[in-house]
Amino acid sequence: MDKKAFEIIIERVIIHKEKLLDDIYKIERKNKENKWIKLKILEKESRIIGVASDVTQEILEKQKIEYDRDYDLLTDILNRRAFFNIVGEK
């Protein structure tokens, strides 16, 4: 792939950087099924080398664990600890 085409693709991807996660980017798809990739880019002189890894499964598992940690199973509202954390941040 030539450099210009690669740069265009990368520019479209990097605008969706995930907060608090290094080198993780969200790709929103038309079928509403999001994908996350880990992107490593190395630039040397006139060449750019990029490696993209699909980390969607890991991100989805992490989101489920965080949801289970922060929300009450019965009422589906924030539990006390999560509520106080959010209020504390505000």
N, C-alpha and C. Protein backbone atom coordinates (compact mmCIF):
# COMPACT_ATOMS: atom_id res chain seq x y z
N MET A 1 0.85 -1.17 0.00
CA MET A 1 0.00 0.00 0.00
C MET A 1 0.90 1.23 0.00
N ASP A 2 0.53 2.22 -0.75
CA ASP A 2 1.37 3.41 -0.78
C ASP A 2 1.13 4.26 0.47
N LYS A 3 2.05 5.15 0.73
CA LYS A 3 2.06 5.93 1.96
C LYS A 3 0.82 6.80 2.12
N LYS A 4 0.37 7.45 1.07
CA LYS A 4 -0.80 8.35 1.13
C LYS A 4 -2.06 7.57 1.49
N ALA A 5 -2.26 6.43 0.86
CA ALA A 5 -3.45 5.62 1.15
C ALA A 5 -3.44 5.15 2.61
N PHE A 6 -2.27 4.74 3.09
CA PHE A 6 -2.13 4.30 4.48
C PHE A 6 -2.44 5.45 5.44
N GLU A 7 -1.91 6.64 5.14
CA GLU A 7 -2.15 7.81 6.01
C GLU A 7 -3.63 8.17 6.07
N ILE A 8 -4.33 8.07 4.96
CA ILE A 8 -5.77 8.37 4.94
C ILE A 8 -6.53 7.40 5.83
N ILE A 9 -6.21 6.13 5.73
CA ILE A 9 -6.87 5.13 6.57
C ILE A 9 -6.57 5.38 8.04
N ILE A 10 -5.32 5.65 8.36
CA ILE A 10 -4.93 5.88 9.75
C ILE A 10 -5.61 7.13 10.30
N GLU A 11 -5.70 8.18 9.52
CA GLU A 11 -6.36 9.41 9.98
C GLU A 11 -7.82 9.17 10.32
N ARG A 12 -8.49 8.33 9.55
CA ARG A 12 -9.90 8.02 9.83
C ARG A 12 -10.05 7.19 11.10
N VAL A 13 -9.05 6.39 11.41
CA VAL A 13 -9.12 5.52 12.59
C VAL A 13 -8.75 6.28 13.86
N ILE A 14 -7.70 7.09 13.83
CA ILE A 14 -7.19 7.67 15.07
C ILE A 14 -8.06 8.77 15.68
N ILE A 15 -9.09 9.22 14.97
CA ILE A 15 -9.97 10.23 15.56
C ILE A 15 -10.88 9.62 16.63
N HIS A 16 -10.94 8.30 16.70
CA HIS A 16 -11.79 7.62 17.67
C HIS A 16 -10.97 6.93 18.77
N LYS A 17 -10.01 7.65 19.34
CA LYS A 17 -9.17 7.08 20.40
C LYS A 17 -10.00 6.83 21.64
N GLU A 18 -9.79 5.68 22.25
CA GLU A 18 -10.48 5.33 23.48
C GLU A 18 -9.82 6.04 24.66
N LYS A 19 -10.65 6.57 25.55
CA LYS A 19 -10.13 7.25 26.73
C LYS A 19 -9.46 6.24 27.65
N LEU A 20 -8.39 6.66 28.25
CA LEU A 20 -7.66 5.89 29.26
C LEU A 20 -7.02 4.61 28.73
N LEU A 21 -7.03 4.38 27.44
CA LEU A 21 -6.40 3.19 26.88
C LEU A 21 -5.38 3.62 25.84
N ASP A 22 -4.16 3.15 26.00
CA ASP A 22 -3.09 3.51 25.07
C ASP A 22 -3.22 2.74 23.76
N ASP A 23 -3.13 3.46 22.66
CA ASP A 23 -3.08 2.87 21.32
C ASP A 23 -4.31 2.05 20.96
N ILE A 24 -5.46 2.28 21.62
CA ILE A 24 -6.69 1.56 21.31
C ILE A 24 -7.65 2.52 20.63
N TYR A 25 -8.21 2.08 19.50
CA TYR A 25 -9.10 2.92 18.71
C TYR A 25 -10.38 2.15 18.39
N LYS A 26 -11.49 2.88 18.40
CA LYS A 26 -12.79 2.29 18.14
C LYS A 26 -13.16 2.52 16.68
N ILE A 27 -13.63 1.48 16.03
CA ILE A 27 -14.10 1.58 14.66
C ILE A 27 -15.60 1.31 14.68
N GLU A 28 -16.37 2.35 14.36
CA GLU A 28 -17.83 2.21 14.33
C GLU A 28 -18.24 1.70 12.97
N ARG A 29 -19.00 0.62 12.97
CA ARG A 29 -19.42 0.01 11.71
C ARG A 29 -20.89 0.27 11.45
N LYS A 30 -21.29 0.16 10.21
CA LYS A 30 -22.66 0.46 9.81
C LYS A 30 -23.67 -0.47 10.47
N ASN A 31 -23.29 -1.70 10.76
CA ASN A 31 -24.21 -2.65 11.37
C ASN A 31 -24.26 -2.52 12.89
N LYS A 32 -23.72 -1.41 13.40
CA LYS A 32 -23.73 -1.09 14.84
C LYS A 32 -22.87 -2.02 15.68
N GLU A 33 -22.10 -2.86 15.04
CA GLU A 33 -21.20 -3.76 15.75
C GLU A 33 -19.81 -3.13 15.76
N ASN A 34 -19.45 -2.52 16.88
CA ASN A 34 -18.18 -1.81 16.97
C ASN A 34 -17.01 -2.78 17.05
N LYS A 35 -15.89 -2.33 16.58
CA LYS A 35 -14.63 -3.08 16.67
C LYS A 35 -13.60 -2.17 17.32
N TRP A 36 -12.67 -2.75 18.04
CA TRP A 36 -11.57 -2.01 18.63
C TRP A 36 -10.27 -2.61 18.11
N ILE A 37 -9.33 -1.74 17.80
CA ILE A 37 -8.03 -2.20 17.34
C ILE A 37 -6.94 -1.54 18.18
N LYS A 38 -5.86 -2.26 18.33
CA LYS A 38 -4.65 -1.70 18.94
C LYS A 38 -3.72 -1.41 17.77
N LEU A 39 -3.25 -0.18 17.72
CA LEU A 39 -2.48 0.27 16.57
C LEU A 39 -1.10 0.72 17.01
N LYS A 40 -0.10 0.12 16.41
CA LYS A 40 1.29 0.51 16.64
C LYS A 40 1.86 1.01 15.32
N ILE A 41 2.44 2.20 15.35
CA ILE A 41 2.99 2.80 14.13
C ILE A 41 4.45 3.17 14.37
N LEU A 42 5.30 2.82 13.44
CA LEU A 42 6.71 3.15 13.49
C LEU A 42 7.05 3.90 12.21
N GLU A 43 7.55 5.13 12.37
CA GLU A 43 7.93 5.94 11.21
C GLU A 43 9.45 6.01 11.13
N LYS A 44 9.98 5.74 9.94
CA LYS A 44 11.42 5.84 9.69
C LYS A 44 11.61 6.43 8.32
N GLU A 45 12.24 7.58 8.29
CA GLU A 45 12.53 8.28 7.05
C GLU A 45 11.30 8.34 6.15
N SER A 46 11.32 7.65 5.03
CA SER A 46 10.21 7.74 4.08
C SER A 46 9.24 6.56 4.22
N ARG A 47 9.39 5.77 5.27
CA ARG A 47 8.54 4.59 5.43
C ARG A 47 7.76 4.65 6.73
N ILE A 48 6.57 4.09 6.68
CA ILE A 48 5.74 3.95 7.87
C ILE A 48 5.34 2.49 7.96
N ILE A 49 5.56 1.92 9.13
CA ILE A 49 5.15 0.54 9.36
C ILE A 49 4.07 0.56 10.43
N GLY A 50 2.98 -0.09 10.14
CA GLY A 50 1.88 -0.12 11.10
C GLY A 50 1.41 -1.54 11.33
N VAL A 51 1.07 -1.82 12.58
CA VAL A 51 0.52 -3.12 12.94
C VAL A 51 -0.80 -2.87 13.66
N ALA A 52 -1.85 -3.47 13.16
CA ALA A 52 -3.17 -3.34 13.79
C ALA A 52 -3.59 -4.70 14.30
N SER A 53 -3.98 -4.74 15.57
CA SER A 53 -4.44 -5.99 16.18
C SER A 53 -5.88 -5.81 16.63
N ASP A 54 -6.71 -6.78 16.36
CA ASP A 54 -8.11 -6.75 16.78
C ASP A 54 -8.17 -7.11 18.27
N VAL A 55 -8.59 -6.15 19.08
CA VAL A 55 -8.71 -6.38 20.53
C VAL A 55 -10.17 -6.26 20.98
N THR A 56 -11.10 -6.47 20.05
CA THR A 56 -12.52 -6.31 20.34
C THR A 56 -12.97 -7.21 21.49
N GLN A 57 -12.60 -8.47 21.45
CA GLN A 57 -13.04 -9.41 22.49
C GLN A 57 -12.55 -8.98 23.87
N GLU A 58 -11.30 -8.54 23.97
CA GLU A 58 -10.76 -8.10 25.25
C GLU A 58 -11.50 -6.87 25.77
N ILE A 59 -11.81 -5.92 24.89
CA ILE A 59 -12.52 -4.70 25.29
C ILE A 59 -13.93 -5.04 25.75
N LEU A 60 -14.63 -5.90 25.03
CA LEU A 60 -15.99 -6.28 25.42
C LEU A 60 -16.01 -6.99 26.77
N GLU A 61 -15.03 -7.86 27.01
CA GLU A 61 -14.93 -8.55 28.30
C GLU A 61 -14.67 -7.55 29.42
N LYS A 62 -13.79 -6.59 29.16
CA LYS A 62 -13.48 -5.57 30.16
C LYS A 62 -14.71 -4.73 30.47
N GLN A 63 -15.47 -4.35 29.43
CA GLN A 63 -16.69 -3.56 29.64
C GLN A 63 -17.72 -4.33 30.46
N LYS A 64 -17.84 -5.63 30.21
CA LYS A 64 -18.80 -6.44 30.97
C LYS A 64 -18.37 -6.54 32.43
N ILE A 65 -17.10 -6.74 32.68
CA ILE A 65 -16.61 -6.80 34.05
C ILE A 65 -16.86 -5.48 34.77
N GLU A 66 -16.58 -4.37 34.10
CA GLU A 66 -16.81 -3.06 34.71
C GLU A 66 -18.30 -2.81 34.97
N TYR A 67 -19.15 -3.24 34.05
CA TYR A 67 -20.59 -3.07 34.24
C TYR A 67 -21.06 -3.90 35.44
N ASP A 68 -20.64 -5.16 35.50
CA ASP A 68 -21.02 -6.02 36.63
C ASP A 68 -20.51 -5.46 37.95
N ARG A 69 -19.36 -4.81 37.92
CA ARG A 69 -18.79 -4.23 39.13
C ARG A 69 -19.57 -2.99 39.58
N ASP A 70 -20.07 -2.19 38.63
CA ASP A 70 -20.65 -0.89 38.95
C ASP A 70 -22.17 -0.87 39.05
N TYR A 71 -22.86 -1.86 38.54
CA TYR A 71 -24.32 -1.83 38.52
C TYR A 71 -24.91 -2.96 39.33
N ASP A 72 -26.02 -2.65 40.00
CA ASP A 72 -26.74 -3.63 40.78
C ASP A 72 -27.44 -4.60 39.85
N LEU A 73 -27.34 -5.88 40.13
CA LEU A 73 -27.90 -6.91 39.28
C LEU A 73 -29.42 -6.86 39.24
N LEU A 74 -30.04 -6.57 40.36
CA LEU A 74 -31.50 -6.58 40.44
C LEU A 74 -32.14 -5.32 39.86
N THR A 75 -31.61 -4.15 40.24
CA THR A 75 -32.24 -2.88 39.84
C THR A 75 -31.63 -2.27 38.59
N ASP A 76 -30.45 -2.72 38.20
CA ASP A 76 -29.75 -2.20 37.02
C ASP A 76 -29.43 -0.71 37.14
N ILE A 77 -29.20 -0.25 38.38
CA ILE A 77 -28.74 1.12 38.60
C ILE A 77 -27.37 1.07 39.26
N LEU A 78 -26.69 2.22 39.27
CA LEU A 78 -25.35 2.27 39.86
C LEU A 78 -25.39 1.81 41.32
N ASN A 79 -24.39 1.05 41.70
CA ASN A 79 -24.28 0.71 43.12
C ASN A 79 -23.65 1.87 43.87
N ARG A 80 -23.59 1.77 45.17
CA ARG A 80 -23.12 2.88 46.01
C ARG A 80 -21.69 3.28 45.69
N ARG A 81 -20.81 2.32 45.57
CA ARG A 81 -19.40 2.63 45.30
C ARG A 81 -19.24 3.37 43.98
N ALA A 82 -19.89 2.89 42.93
CA ALA A 82 -19.78 3.54 41.63
C ALA A 82 -20.41 4.92 41.66
N PHE A 83 -21.54 5.06 42.34
CA PHE A 83 -22.19 6.35 42.45
C PHE A 83 -21.28 7.37 43.12
N PHE A 84 -20.70 6.99 44.25
CA PHE A 84 -19.81 7.92 44.96
C PHE A 84 -18.55 8.24 44.16
N ASN A 85 -18.06 7.29 43.39
CA ASN A 85 -16.90 7.57 42.52
C ASN A 85 -17.24 8.61 41.46
N ILE A 86 -18.40 8.47 40.84
CA ILE A 86 -18.81 9.41 39.81
C ILE A 86 -19.06 10.80 40.41
N VAL A 87 -19.73 10.84 41.55
CA VAL A 87 -19.98 12.12 42.22
C VAL A 87 -18.66 12.76 42.63
N GLY A 88 -17.73 11.97 43.13
CA GLY A 88 -16.43 12.47 43.51
C GLY A 88 -15.65 13.06 42.34
N GLU A 89 -15.78 12.45 41.17
CA GLU A 89 -15.10 12.96 39.98
C GLU A 89 -15.69 14.29 39.52
N LYS A 90 -16.99 14.44 39.69
CA LYS A 90 -17.67 15.68 39.28
C LYS A 90 -17.33 16.81 40.21
